[in-house]
């Protein structure tokens, strides 16, 4: 059975400080910016809510 890849890693940019980092599209915990601490990703019981700018898909 072939299908679309569901979960991916995303490259995002913090809207406050401009830091770029990788996050998981289906994160199960809150992910904060490693530089300024702003919340970038909120878990939602499946696909996470991305609260910042997505630059692209990695892999």
Protein backbone atom coordinates (compact mmCIF):
# COMPACT_ATOMS: atom_id res chain seq x y z
CA UNK A 1 0.00 0.00 0.00
CA UNK A 2 1.47 3.29 -1.10
CA UNK A 3 0.39 6.66 0.16
CA UNK A 4 1.51 10.14 0.92
CA UNK A 5 4.08 10.70 3.60
CA UNK A 6 2.05 12.04 6.51
CA UNK A 7 4.52 13.41 9.03
CA UNK A 8 7.52 15.50 8.05
CA UNK A 9 10.15 17.79 9.46
CA UNK A 10 9.65 21.47 8.70
CA UNK A 11 12.15 24.30 8.63
CA UNK A 12 10.58 27.29 10.39
CA UNK A 13 11.63 30.85 11.21
CA UNK A 14 10.76 32.57 14.47
CA UNK A 15 8.73 35.70 13.75
CA UNK A 16 10.28 37.53 16.72
CA UNK A 17 14.04 36.94 16.41
CA UNK A 18 14.49 35.35 12.96
CA UNK A 19 16.06 32.13 14.27
CA UNK A 20 15.58 29.13 11.96
CA UNK A 21 15.12 25.62 13.32
CA UNK A 22 13.65 22.23 12.46
CA UNK A 23 10.37 21.05 13.97
CA UNK A 24 8.25 17.92 13.57
CA UNK A 25 4.89 18.39 11.84
CA UNK A 26 3.15 16.09 14.34
CA UNK A 27 4.88 17.32 17.51
CA UNK A 28 3.43 15.97 20.77
CA UNK A 29 4.78 18.77 22.96
CA UNK A 30 5.15 22.54 22.81
CA UNK A 31 8.22 23.63 20.83
CA UNK A 32 9.78 26.98 21.65
CA UNK A 33 12.39 29.04 19.83
CA UNK A 34 15.86 28.05 21.00
CA UNK A 35 16.96 31.71 21.03
CA UNK A 36 14.10 33.85 22.37
CA UNK A 37 11.69 31.26 23.81
CA UNK A 38 8.62 32.20 21.73
CA UNK A 39 6.19 29.29 21.16
CA UNK A 40 6.57 28.00 17.60
CA UNK A 41 4.49 24.79 17.65
CA UNK A 42 1.49 23.66 19.72
CA UNK A 43 0.43 19.98 19.83
CA UNK A 44 -3.12 19.23 18.68
CA UNK A 45 -3.47 15.44 19.02
CA UNK A 46 -2.29 14.81 15.46
CA UNK A 47 -0.91 17.44 13.15
CA UNK A 48 0.57 20.22 15.26
CA UNK A 49 -0.43 23.87 14.99
CA UNK A 50 2.50 25.81 13.51
CA UNK A 51 2.40 29.36 14.91
CA UNK A 52 5.26 30.81 12.86
CA UNK A 53 6.59 31.04 9.29
CA UNK A 54 7.23 27.73 7.50
CA UNK A 55 10.24 27.96 5.18
CA UNK A 56 10.03 24.46 3.71
CA UNK A 57 9.87 20.71 4.14
CA UNK A 58 13.09 18.86 4.98
CA UNK A 59 13.68 15.37 3.60
